Amino acid sequence: MISEVFITCAVTGGGTVKQANVPITPEQIANSAIEATRAGAAVVHIHVRDPETGRSSRDPALYREVVQRIRKSDVNPLINLTAGMGGDLILGGPDAPLPPVAGTDLVSARERLVHVEELRPEICTLDCGSMNFRGNREYVMINTAGTLSAMAAHVQKLGVRPELEVLDTGHLLHVHELIEEGVIGDPPLVQLCMGIRYGASHNLNTLLAMVSQLPPRAIYSTFSIGPMQLPYVALAPLIGANVRVGLEDNLYLSRGRLATNAELVQRAVEILERIGVRVMSPDEAREKLALKVRA
């Protein structure tokens, strides 16, 4: 067990928007991140969405507005931008898989990092493997070993710390290989993503098996999606992990009660304090992760 943790708030995510509590516009996303920080989050994990359609986007202008609004506010969270966009492949079906169909967004490693290169957040995410992911049965999230290595090397040159997203047990092999290649700084930062369909189950045996395979000196967080999000807040420090909550992974504060990001962070703080775990500030999390401070 660890006695202090930092909380990451995953503000909006890239999934389909059906509920009104999910922030969509850059102003809504930034304000929600700011409120979550005031509630106790040290890290805010940012996706952006097309303000007109609500669909996920990788438009650098949208990231720019969100980041500028947060940086101009009276809070100073660690900003963690996703680099997961640009790896979407939708095949044409079992009888005619090629060419890929509408919705495919498959671009180069450098293009997936355009917003990171411009905005230089302290952290960006790298998804450590390919997998079936969404409800569309022909959708594949593509992250080849070559693409991961190229992205990690470029992120390292930018002075940004990658958070290595592990969605299944095999993804840990990519983590170890990236460290061996020398493209991951010390300490490695890992996020164990549990309960995602076609990925690692949220059951405790799966989680402990993944923890046992983490690299030495890794600083890691864990979360599970849906109704297991808040139980995982209590579980995380028991297995040495930091905490993640937010509307990217769970929409509800309780059964039938839609949440805000700030409310999910507040509930996480309450759970942690009740079990004797101290919640770290953004600056304490920076020190723990040995991050470069941005102006």
C-alpha atoms as a PDB file:
ATOM      1  CA  MET A   1       0.000   0.000   0.000  1.00  0.00           C
ATOM      2  CA  ILE A   2       1.121   3.573  -0.655  1.00  0.00           C
ATOM      3  CA  SER A   3       0.120   6.385   1.677  1.00  0.00           C
ATOM      4  CA  GLU A   4      -0.169   9.219  -0.857  1.00  0.00           C
ATOM      5  CA  VAL A   5      -1.415   9.340  -4.447  1.00  0.00           C
ATOM      6  CA  PHE A   6      -2.096  11.815  -7.203  1.00  0.00           C
ATOM      7  CA  ILE A   7      -5.435  11.911  -8.989  1.00  0.00           C
ATOM      8  CA  THR A   8      -5.783  12.159 -12.765  1.00  0.00           C
ATOM      9  CA  CYS A   9      -9.068  13.443 -14.153  1.00  0.00           C
ATOM     10  CA  ALA A  10      -9.855  12.182 -17.678  1.00  0.00           C
ATOM     11  CA  VAL A  11     -12.097  15.040 -18.702  1.00  0.00           C
ATOM     12  CA  THR A  12     -14.006  14.024 -21.835  1.00  0.00           C
ATOM     13  CA  GLY A  13     -12.497  11.133 -23.822  1.00  0.00           C
ATOM     14  CA  GLY A  14     -13.098  10.321 -27.464  1.00  0.00           C
ATOM     15  CA  GLY A  15     -16.180   8.110 -27.350  1.00  0.00           C
ATOM     16  CA  THR A  16     -19.595   8.937 -28.779  1.00  0.00           C
ATOM     17  CA  VAL A  17     -21.402  11.651 -26.813  1.00  0.00           C
ATOM     18  CA  LYS A  18     -24.937  10.760 -25.748  1.00  0.00           C
ATOM     19  CA  GLN A  19     -25.174  12.434 -22.340  1.00  0.00           C
ATOM     20  CA  ALA A  20     -25.396  16.168 -21.697  1.00  0.00           C
ATOM     21  CA  ASN A  21     -22.903  16.053 -18.806  1.00  0.00           C
ATOM     22  CA  VAL A  22     -19.916  15.414 -21.140  1.00  0.00           C
ATOM     23  CA  PRO A  23     -18.010  18.622 -22.029  1.00  0.00           C
ATOM     24  CA  ILE A  24     -17.716  19.239 -25.774  1.00  0.00           C
ATOM     25  CA  THR A  25     -16.495  22.731 -26.650  1.00  0.00           C
ATOM     26  CA  PRO A  26     -12.953  23.891 -25.774  1.00  0.00           C
ATOM     27  CA  GLU A  27     -14.398  26.265 -23.189  1.00  0.00           C
ATOM     28  CA  GLN A  28     -16.453  23.496 -21.573  1.00  0.00           C
ATOM     29  CA  ILE A  29     -13.497  21.088 -21.551  1.00  0.00           C
ATOM     30  CA  ALA A  30     -11.130  23.689 -20.071  1.00  0.00           C
ATOM     31  CA  ASN A  31     -13.632  24.812 -17.428  1.00  0.00           C
ATOM     32  CA  SER A  32     -14.308  21.212 -16.440  1.00  0.00           C
ATOM     33  CA  ALA A  33     -10.557  20.555 -16.124  1.00  0.00           C
ATOM     34  CA  ILE A  34     -10.135  23.677 -13.994  1.00  0.00           C
ATOM     35  CA  GLU A  35     -13.010  22.679 -11.711  1.00  0.00           C
ATOM     36  CA  ALA A  36     -11.580  19.163 -11.379  1.00  0.00           C
ATOM     37  CA  THR A  37      -8.225  20.615 -10.362  1.00  0.00           C
ATOM     38  CA  ARG A  38      -9.869  22.761  -7.701  1.00  0.00           C
ATOM     39  CA  ALA A  39     -11.588  19.602  -6.445  1.00  0.00           C
ATOM     40  CA  GLY A  40      -8.264  17.793  -5.986  1.00  0.00           C
ATOM     41  CA  ALA A  41      -6.986  16.500  -9.342  1.00  0.00           C
ATOM     42  CA  ALA A  42      -3.258  16.929  -9.943  1.00  0.00           C
ATOM     43  CA  VAL A  43      -3.376  15.846 -13.603  1.00  0.00           C
ATOM     44  CA  VAL A  44      -5.977  16.627 -16.272  1.00  0.00           C
ATOM     45  CA  HIS A  45      -6.062  14.272 -19.262  1.00  0.00           C
ATOM     46  CA  ILE A  46      -7.375  16.052 -22.347  1.00  0.00           C
ATOM     47  CA  HIS A  47      -9.116  14.936 -25.536  1.00  0.00           C
ATOM     48  CA  VAL A  48     -10.934  17.448 -27.731  1.00  0.00           C
ATOM     49  CA  ARG A  49     -14.177  17.258 -29.669  1.00  0.00           C
ATOM     50  CA  ASP A  50     -15.659  18.935 -32.719  1.00  0.00           C
ATOM     51  CA  PRO A  51     -17.899  21.618 -31.157  1.00  0.00           C
ATOM     52  CA  GLU A  52     -20.528  21.134 -33.875  1.00  0.00           C
ATOM     53  CA  THR A  53     -20.842  17.340 -33.869  1.00  0.00           C
ATOM     54  CA  GLY A  54     -19.424  16.331 -30.470  1.00  0.00           C
ATOM     55  CA  ARG A  55     -17.226  13.748 -32.177  1.00  0.00           C
ATOM     56  CA  SER A  56     -13.606  13.242 -31.196  1.00  0.00           C
ATOM     57  CA  SER A  57     -11.078  15.391 -33.016  1.00  0.00           C
ATOM     58  CA  ARG A  58      -7.336  15.911 -33.306  1.00  0.00           C
ATOM     59  CA  ASP A  59      -7.557  19.529 -34.511  1.00  0.00           C
ATOM     60  CA  PRO A  60      -4.548  21.381 -33.007  1.00  0.00           C
ATOM     61  CA  ALA A  61      -6.566  24.598 -32.787  1.00  0.00           C
ATOM     62  CA  LEU A  62      -9.027  22.946 -30.398  1.00  0.00           C
ATOM     63  CA  TYR A  63      -6.189  21.644 -28.209  1.00  0.00           C
ATOM     64  CA  ARG A  64      -4.590  25.084 -28.304  1.00  0.00           C
ATOM     65  CA  GLU A  65      -7.703  26.790 -26.968  1.00  0.00           C
ATOM     66  CA  VAL A  66      -8.187  24.248 -24.182  1.00  0.00           C
ATOM     67  CA  VAL A  67      -4.563  24.404 -23.059  1.00  0.00           C
ATOM     68  CA  GLN A  68      -4.406  28.202 -23.188  1.00  0.00           C
ATOM     69  CA  ARG A  69      -7.554  28.515 -21.096  1.00  0.00           C
ATOM     70  CA  ILE A  70      -6.158  26.152 -18.453  1.00  0.00           C
ATOM     71  CA  ARG A  71      -2.761  27.849 -18.385  1.00  0.00           C
ATOM     72  CA  LYS A  72      -4.382  31.278 -17.975  1.00  0.00           C
ATOM     73  CA  SER A  73      -6.510  30.107 -15.056  1.00  0.00           C
ATOM     74  CA  ASP A  74      -5.722  30.324 -11.350  1.00  0.00           C
ATOM     75  CA  VAL A  75      -4.861  26.602 -11.153  1.00  0.00           C
ATOM     76  CA  ASN A  76      -1.769  24.811 -12.425  1.00  0.00           C
ATOM     77  CA  PRO A  77      -2.488  21.118 -13.076  1.00  0.00           C
ATOM     78  CA  LEU A  78      -0.199  18.826 -14.995  1.00  0.00           C
ATOM     79  CA  ILE A  79      -1.613  18.835 -18.516  1.00  0.00           C
ATOM     80  CA  ASN A  80      -1.735  15.418 -20.140  1.00  0.00           C
ATOM     81  CA  LEU A  81      -2.737  15.477 -23.820  1.00  0.00           C
ATOM     82  CA  THR A  82      -3.841  12.327 -25.599  1.00  0.00           C
ATOM     83  CA  ALA A  83      -1.766  11.174 -28.568  1.00  0.00           C
ATOM     84  CA  GLY A  84      -4.121   8.311 -29.263  1.00  0.00           C
ATOM     85  CA  MET A  85      -5.961   9.946 -32.146  1.00  0.00           C
ATOM     86  CA  GLY A  86      -4.940   9.090 -35.702  1.00  0.00           C
ATOM     87  CA  GLY A  87      -4.793   5.324 -35.173  1.00  0.00           C
ATOM     88  CA  ASP A  88      -8.365   4.441 -36.178  1.00  0.00           C
ATOM     89  CA  LEU A  89      -8.849   1.723 -38.804  1.00  0.00           C
ATOM     90  CA  ILE A  90     -12.324   0.596 -39.878  1.00  0.00           C
ATOM     91  CA  LEU A  91     -12.306  -2.316 -42.287  1.00  0.00           C
ATOM     92  CA  GLY A  92     -14.952  -3.018 -44.892  1.00  0.00           C
ATOM     93  CA  GLY A  93     -16.193  -6.279 -43.373  1.00  0.00           C
ATOM     94  CA  PRO A  94     -15.339  -9.999 -43.477  1.00  0.00           C
ATOM     95  CA  ASP A  95     -15.978 -10.344 -47.220  1.00  0.00           C
ATOM     96  CA  ALA A  96     -14.227  -7.149 -48.376  1.00  0.00           C
ATOM     97  CA  PRO A  97     -11.973  -5.788 -45.644  1.00  0.00           C
ATOM     98  CA  LEU A  98     -10.076  -3.460 -47.991  1.00  0.00           C
ATOM     99  CA  PRO A  99     -10.162  -0.625 -48.735  1.00  0.00           C
ATOM    100  CA  PRO A 100     -10.881   0.844 -45.280  1.00  0.00           C
ATOM    101  CA  VAL A 101     -14.247   2.583 -44.969  1.00  0.00           C
ATOM    102  CA  ALA A 102     -15.438   5.975 -43.741  1.00  0.00           C
ATOM    103  CA  GLY A 103     -14.331   6.781 -40.215  1.00  0.00           C
ATOM    104  CA  THR A 104     -10.785   5.529 -40.747  1.00  0.00           C
ATOM    105  CA  ASP A 105      -8.239   8.059 -39.511  1.00  0.00           C
ATOM    106  CA  LEU A 106      -4.791   6.505 -39.860  1.00  0.00           C
ATOM    107  CA  VAL A 107      -1.903   8.989 -40.019  1.00  0.00           C
ATOM    108  CA  SER A 108       1.851   9.057 -39.452  1.00  0.00           C
ATOM    109  CA  ALA A 109       3.527   8.987 -36.064  1.00  0.00           C
ATOM    110  CA  ARG A 110       4.625  12.633 -36.381  1.00  0.00           C
ATOM    111  CA  GLU A 111       1.163  13.808 -37.424  1.00  0.00           C
ATOM    112  CA  ARG A 112      -0.308  12.235 -34.299  1.00  0.00           C
ATOM    113  CA  LEU A 113       1.991  14.474 -32.251  1.00  0.00           C
ATOM    114  CA  VAL A 114       1.444  17.843 -33.958  1.00  0.00           C
ATOM    115  CA  HIS A 115      -0.476  19.290 -30.987  1.00  0.00           C
ATOM    116  CA  VAL A 116       2.070  17.904 -28.511  1.00  0.00           C
ATOM    117  CA  GLU A 117       4.941  19.463 -30.448  1.00  0.00           C
ATOM    118  CA  GLU A 118       3.230  22.860 -30.487  1.00  0.00           C
ATOM    119  CA  LEU A 119       1.867  22.982 -26.933  1.00  0.00           C
ATOM    120  CA  ARG A 120       4.539  21.015 -25.039  1.00  0.00           C
ATOM    121  CA  PRO A 121       2.400  19.604 -22.218  1.00  0.00           C
ATOM    122  CA  GLU A 122       4.199  17.961 -19.341  1.00  0.00           C
ATOM    123  CA  ILE A 123       2.643  14.575 -20.231  1.00  0.00           C
ATOM    124  CA  CYS A 124       1.101  12.936 -23.294  1.00  0.00           C
ATOM    125  CA  THR A 125      -0.336   9.446 -23.613  1.00  0.00           C
ATOM    126  CA  LEU A 126       0.951   6.643 -25.819  1.00  0.00           C
ATOM    127  CA  ASP A 127      -1.361   3.633 -26.292  1.00  0.00           C
ATOM    128  CA  CYS A 128       0.931   0.613 -26.042  1.00  0.00           C
ATOM    129  CA  GLY A 129      -0.605  -1.733 -28.560  1.00  0.00           C
ATOM    130  CA  SER A 130      -3.308  -2.439 -31.109  1.00  0.00           C
ATOM    131  CA  MET A 131      -6.665  -3.911 -30.163  1.00  0.00           C
ATOM    132  CA  ASN A 132     -10.323  -4.242 -31.012  1.00  0.00           C
ATOM    133  CA  PHE A 133     -11.920  -1.461 -29.047  1.00  0.00           C
ATOM    134  CA  ARG A 134     -15.290   0.068 -29.852  1.00  0.00           C
ATOM    135  CA  GLY A 135     -18.763  -1.220 -30.593  1.00  0.00           C
ATOM    136  CA  ASN A 136     -18.068  -1.315 -34.343  1.00  0.00           C
ATOM    137  CA  ARG A 137     -16.974  -4.913 -34.971  1.00  0.00           C
ATOM    138  CA  GLU A 138     -14.702  -3.855 -37.853  1.00  0.00           C
ATOM    139  CA  TYR A 139     -12.861  -1.172 -35.836  1.00  0.00           C
ATOM    140  CA  VAL A 140      -9.223  -1.694 -34.836  1.00  0.00           C
ATOM    141  CA  MET A 141      -7.112   0.723 -32.803  1.00  0.00           C
ATOM    142  CA  ILE A 142      -3.720   0.599 -34.549  1.00  0.00           C
ATOM    143  CA  ASN A 143      -0.472   1.142 -32.642  1.00  0.00           C
ATOM    144  CA  THR A 144       2.313  -0.881 -34.248  1.00  0.00           C
ATOM    145  CA  ALA A 145       5.636  -1.428 -32.523  1.00  0.00           C
ATOM    146  CA  GLY A 146       7.343   0.782 -35.100  1.00  0.00           C
ATOM    147  CA  THR A 147       4.854   3.616 -34.645  1.00  0.00           C
ATOM    148  CA  LEU A 148       5.143   3.425 -30.855  1.00  0.00           C
ATOM    149  CA  SER A 149       8.935   3.593 -30.987  1.00  0.00           C
ATOM    150  CA  ALA A 150       8.856   6.557 -33.366  1.00  0.00           C
ATOM    151  CA  MET A 151       6.313   8.425 -31.256  1.00  0.00           C
ATOM    152  CA  ALA A 152       8.186   7.735 -28.009  1.00  0.00           C
ATOM    153  CA  ALA A 153      11.486   8.914 -29.494  1.00  0.00           C
ATOM    154  CA  HIS A 154       9.939  12.158 -30.742  1.00  0.00           C
ATOM    155  CA  VAL A 155       8.148  12.797 -27.435  1.00  0.00           C
ATOM    156  CA  GLN A 156      11.467  12.317 -25.643  1.00  0.00           C
ATOM    157  CA  LYS A 157      13.112  14.953 -27.886  1.00  0.00           C
ATOM    158  CA  LEU A 158      10.293  17.363 -27.055  1.00  0.00           C
ATOM    159  CA  GLY A 159      10.956  16.991 -23.342  1.00  0.00           C
ATOM    160  CA  VAL A 160       7.462  15.585 -22.729  1.00  0.00           C
ATOM    161  CA  ARG A 161       6.895  12.584 -20.447  1.00  0.00           C
ATOM    162  CA  PRO A 162       4.852   9.791 -22.065  1.00  0.00           C
ATOM    163  CA  GLU A 163       2.199   8.090 -20.014  1.00  0.00           C
ATOM    164  CA  LEU A 164       2.170   4.525 -21.322  1.00  0.00           C
ATOM    165  CA  GLU A 165      -1.418   3.319 -21.625  1.00  0.00           C
ATOM    166  CA  VAL A 166      -1.669  -0.429 -21.030  1.00  0.00           C
ATOM    167  CA  LEU A 167      -5.041  -1.843 -22.051  1.00  0.00           C
ATOM    168  CA  ASP A 168      -4.127  -5.539 -22.054  1.00  0.00           C
ATOM    169  CA  THR A 169      -1.411  -7.767 -20.626  1.00  0.00           C
ATOM    170  CA  GLY A 170       0.527  -8.022 -23.899  1.00  0.00           C
ATOM    171  CA  HIS A 171       0.893  -4.246 -23.991  1.00  0.00           C
ATOM    172  CA  LEU A 172       3.352  -4.513 -21.106  1.00  0.00           C
ATOM    173  CA  LEU A 173       5.818  -6.119 -23.511  1.00  0.00           C
ATOM    174  CA  HIS A 174       5.797  -2.899 -25.526  1.00  0.00           C
ATOM    175  CA  VAL A 175       6.462  -0.958 -22.302  1.00  0.00           C
ATOM    176  CA  HIS A 176       9.554  -3.025 -21.529  1.00  0.00           C
ATOM    177  CA  GLU A 177      10.806  -2.817 -25.119  1.00  0.00           C
ATOM    178  CA  LEU A 178      10.442   0.985 -25.226  1.00  0.00           C
ATOM    179  CA  ILE A 179      12.464   1.230 -22.011  1.00  0.00           C
ATOM    180  CA  GLU A 180      15.131  -1.064 -23.466  1.00  0.00           C
ATOM    181  CA  GLU A 181      15.290   1.162 -26.560  1.00  0.00           C
ATOM    182  CA  GLY A 182      16.094   4.131 -24.327  1.00  0.00           C
ATOM    183  CA  VAL A 183      13.143   6.245 -25.474  1.00  0.00           C
ATOM    184  CA  ILE A 184      11.364   6.349 -22.105  1.00  0.00           C
ATOM    185  CA  GLY A 185      12.607   8.632 -19.328  1.00  0.00           C
ATOM    186  CA  ASP A 186      13.005   7.686 -15.701  1.00  0.00           C
ATOM    187  CA  PRO A 187      10.789   6.976 -13.848  1.00  0.00           C
ATOM    188  CA  PRO A 188       8.487   5.271 -16.364  1.00  0.00           C
ATOM    189  CA  LEU A 189       4.881   6.432 -16.084  1.00  0.00           C
ATOM    190  CA  VAL A 190       2.275   3.724 -16.736  1.00  0.00           C
ATOM    191  CA  GLN A 191      -1.533   3.713 -16.725  1.00  0.00           C
ATOM    192  CA  LEU A 192      -3.244   0.327 -16.278  1.00  0.00           C
ATOM    193  CA  CYS A 193      -6.592   0.620 -18.082  1.00  0.00           C
ATOM    194  CA  MET A 194      -9.023  -2.024 -16.874  1.00  0.00           C
ATOM    195  CA  GLY A 195     -12.480  -3.212 -17.816  1.00  0.00           C
ATOM    196  CA  ILE A 196     -12.381  -2.069 -21.448  1.00  0.00           C
ATOM    197  CA  ARG A 197     -14.121  -4.513 -23.749  1.00  0.00           C
ATOM    198  CA  TYR A 198     -11.618  -6.758 -25.589  1.00  0.00           C
ATOM    199  CA  GLY A 199      -8.894  -5.547 -23.209  1.00  0.00           C
ATOM    200  CA  ALA A 200      -7.922  -6.472 -19.663  1.00  0.00           C
ATOM    201  CA  SER A 201     -10.792  -7.432 -17.375  1.00  0.00           C
ATOM    202  CA  HIS A 202     -11.380  -5.399 -14.228  1.00  0.00           C
ATOM    203  CA  ASN A 203     -11.100  -8.476 -11.985  1.00  0.00           C
ATOM    204  CA  LEU A 204      -8.440  -8.397  -9.280  1.00  0.00           C
ATOM    205  CA  ASN A 205      -6.441 -11.377 -10.545  1.00  0.00           C
ATOM    206  CA  THR A 206      -5.921  -9.699 -13.924  1.00  0.00           C
ATOM    207  CA  LEU A 207      -4.907  -6.426 -12.295  1.00  0.00           C
ATOM    208  CA  LEU A 208      -2.399  -8.088  -9.954  1.00  0.00           C
ATOM    209  CA  ALA A 209      -0.923 -10.077 -12.848  1.00  0.00           C
ATOM    210  CA  MET A 210      -0.313  -6.807 -14.702  1.00  0.00           C
ATOM    211  CA  VAL A 211       1.180  -5.088 -11.655  1.00  0.00           C
ATOM    212  CA  SER A 212       3.598  -7.992 -11.233  1.00  0.00           C
ATOM    213  CA  GLN A 213       4.933  -7.389 -14.762  1.00  0.00           C
ATOM    214  CA  LEU A 214       5.576  -3.655 -14.429  1.00  0.00           C
ATOM    215  CA  PRO A 215       9.147  -2.432 -14.956  1.00  0.00           C
ATOM    216  CA  PRO A 216      11.242  -1.534 -11.903  1.00  0.00           C
ATOM    217  CA  ARG A 217      10.793   2.034 -10.607  1.00  0.00           C
ATOM    218  CA  ALA A 218       7.575   2.483 -12.573  1.00  0.00           C
ATOM    219  CA  ILE A 219       5.105   5.015 -11.224  1.00  0.00           C
ATOM    220  CA  TYR A 220       1.688   3.769 -12.182  1.00  0.00           C
ATOM    221  CA  SER A 221      -2.000   4.520 -11.939  1.00  0.00           C
ATOM    222  CA  THR A 222      -5.011   2.352 -12.538  1.00  0.00           C
ATOM    223  CA  PHE A 223      -8.698   2.776 -13.258  1.00  0.00           C
ATOM    224  CA  SER A 224     -11.664   0.791 -14.461  1.00  0.00           C
ATOM    225  CA  ILE A 225     -14.515   2.008 -16.588  1.00  0.00           C
ATOM    226  CA  GLY A 226     -18.190   2.289 -15.694  1.00  0.00           C
ATOM    227  CA  PRO A 227     -19.500   1.334 -12.260  1.00  0.00           C
ATOM    228  CA  MET A 228     -16.108  -0.015 -11.166  1.00  0.00           C
ATOM    229  CA  GLN A 229     -14.447   3.414 -11.425  1.00  0.00           C
ATOM    230  CA  LEU A 230     -15.058   4.517  -7.838  1.00  0.00           C
ATOM    231  CA  PRO A 231     -14.338   1.099  -6.254  1.00  0.00           C
ATOM    232  CA  TYR A 232     -10.984   1.234  -8.063  1.00  0.00           C
ATOM    233  CA  VAL A 233     -10.229   4.511  -6.256  1.00  0.00           C
ATOM    234  CA  ALA A 234     -10.105   2.571  -2.984  1.00  0.00           C
ATOM    235  CA  LEU A 235      -8.315  -0.374  -4.578  1.00  0.00           C
ATOM    236  CA  ALA A 236      -5.549   1.576  -6.315  1.00  0.00           C
ATOM    237  CA  PRO A 237      -3.383   2.578  -3.323  1.00  0.00           C
ATOM    238  CA  LEU A 238      -3.619  -0.953  -1.922  1.00  0.00           C
ATOM    239  CA  ILE A 239      -1.632  -2.208  -4.915  1.00  0.00           C
ATOM    240  CA  GLY A 240       0.733   0.773  -5.091  1.00  0.00           C
ATOM    241  CA  ALA A 241      -1.159   2.689  -7.773  1.00  0.00           C
ATOM    242  CA  ASN A 242      -2.292   6.253  -8.229  1.00  0.00           C
ATOM    243  CA  VAL A 243      -5.890   7.096  -9.155  1.00  0.00           C
ATOM    244  CA  ARG A 244      -7.818   8.130 -12.261  1.00  0.00           C
ATOM    245  CA  VAL A 245     -11.447   9.208 -12.450  1.00  0.00           C
ATOM    246  CA  GLY A 246     -13.442  11.305 -14.918  1.00  0.00           C
ATOM    247  CA  LEU A 247     -16.176  11.346 -17.512  1.00  0.00           C
ATOM    248  CA  GLU A 248     -13.996   9.665 -20.146  1.00  0.00           C
ATOM    249  CA  ASP A 249     -14.438   6.415 -18.229  1.00  0.00           C
ATOM    250  CA  ASN A 250     -17.629   6.779 -16.190  1.00  0.00           C
ATOM    251  CA  LEU A 251     -20.632   9.101 -16.466  1.00  0.00           C
ATOM    252  CA  TYR A 252     -22.298   8.516 -13.107  1.00  0.00           C
ATOM    253  CA  LEU A 253     -21.746   9.513  -9.499  1.00  0.00           C
ATOM    254  CA  SER A 254     -24.266   6.905  -8.363  1.00  0.00           C
ATOM    255  CA  ARG A 255     -26.970   4.809 -10.006  1.00  0.00           C
ATOM    256  CA  GLY A 256     -28.988   7.108 -12.277  1.00  0.00           C
ATOM    257  CA  ARG A 257     -27.153  10.251 -11.101  1.00  0.00           C
ATOM    258  CA  LEU A 258     -25.035  11.850 -13.835  1.00  0.00           C
ATOM    259  CA  ALA A 259     -21.765  13.325 -12.560  1.00  0.00           C
ATOM    260  CA  THR A 260     -19.474  16.223 -13.309  1.00  0.00           C
ATOM    261  CA  ASN A 261     -15.723  15.764 -13.400  1.00  0.00           C
ATOM    262  CA  ALA A 262     -15.374  17.846 -10.243  1.00  0.00           C
ATOM    263  CA  GLU A 263     -17.884  15.637  -8.424  1.00  0.00           C
ATOM    264  CA  LEU A 264     -16.012  12.472  -9.409  1.00  0.00           C
ATOM    265  CA  VAL A 265     -12.750  13.982  -8.163  1.00  0.00           C
ATOM    266  CA  GLN A 266     -14.421  15.128  -4.933  1.00  0.00           C
ATOM    267  CA  ARG A 267     -15.758  11.627  -4.346  1.00  0.00           C
ATOM    268  CA  ALA A 268     -12.300  10.154  -5.026  1.00  0.00           C
ATOM    269  CA  VAL A 269     -10.732  12.558  -2.506  1.00  0.00           C
ATOM    270  CA  GLU A 270     -13.342  11.575   0.067  1.00  0.00           C
ATOM    271  CA  ILE A 271     -12.742   7.850  -0.463  1.00  0.00           C
ATOM    272  CA  LEU A 272      -8.966   8.220  -0.240  1.00  0.00           C
ATOM    273  CA  GLU A 273      -9.023  10.389   2.858  1.00  0.00           C
ATOM    274  CA  ARG A 274     -11.393   7.993   4.608  1.00  0.00           C
ATOM    275  CA  ILE A 275      -8.896   5.146   4.139  1.00  0.00           C
ATOM    276  CA  GLY A 276      -5.969   7.276   5.302  1.00  0.00           C
ATOM    277  CA  VAL A 277      -4.416   8.091   1.915  1.00  0.00           C
ATOM    278  CA  ARG A 278      -3.224  11.650   1.287  1.00  0.00           C
ATOM    279  CA  VAL A 279      -3.999  13.319  -2.046  1.00  0.00           C
ATOM    280  CA  MET A 280      -1.027  15.023  -3.669  1.00  0.00           C
ATOM    281  CA  SER A 281      -1.056  18.515  -5.144  1.00  0.00           C
ATOM    282  CA  PRO A 282      -0.013  19.204  -8.758  1.00  0.00           C
ATOM    283  CA  ASP A 283       3.429  20.434  -7.670  1.00  0.00           C
ATOM    284  CA  GLU A 284       3.954  17.347  -5.500  1.00  0.00           C
ATOM    285  CA  ALA A 285       3.039  15.144  -8.465  1.00  0.00           C
ATOM    286  CA  ARG A 286       5.522  17.084 -10.641  1.00  0.00           C
ATOM    287  CA  GLU A 287       8.262  16.433  -8.121  1.00  0.00           C
ATOM    288  CA  LYS A 288       7.394  12.742  -7.860  1.00  0.00           C
ATOM    289  CA  LEU A 289       7.477  12.335 -11.642  1.00  0.00           C
ATOM    290  CA  ALA A 290      10.607  14.506 -12.075  1.00  0.00           C
ATOM    291  CA  LEU A 291       8.794  16.568 -14.725  1.00  0.00           C
ATOM    292  CA  LYS A 292       9.961  19.701 -16.456  1.00  0.00           C
ATOM    293  CA  VAL A 293       7.952  22.720 -15.332  1.00  0.00           C
ATOM    294  CA  ARG A 294       6.373  24.649 -18.215  1.00  0.00           C
ATOM    295  CA  ALA A 295       6.022  28.423 -18.255  1.00  0.00           C
END
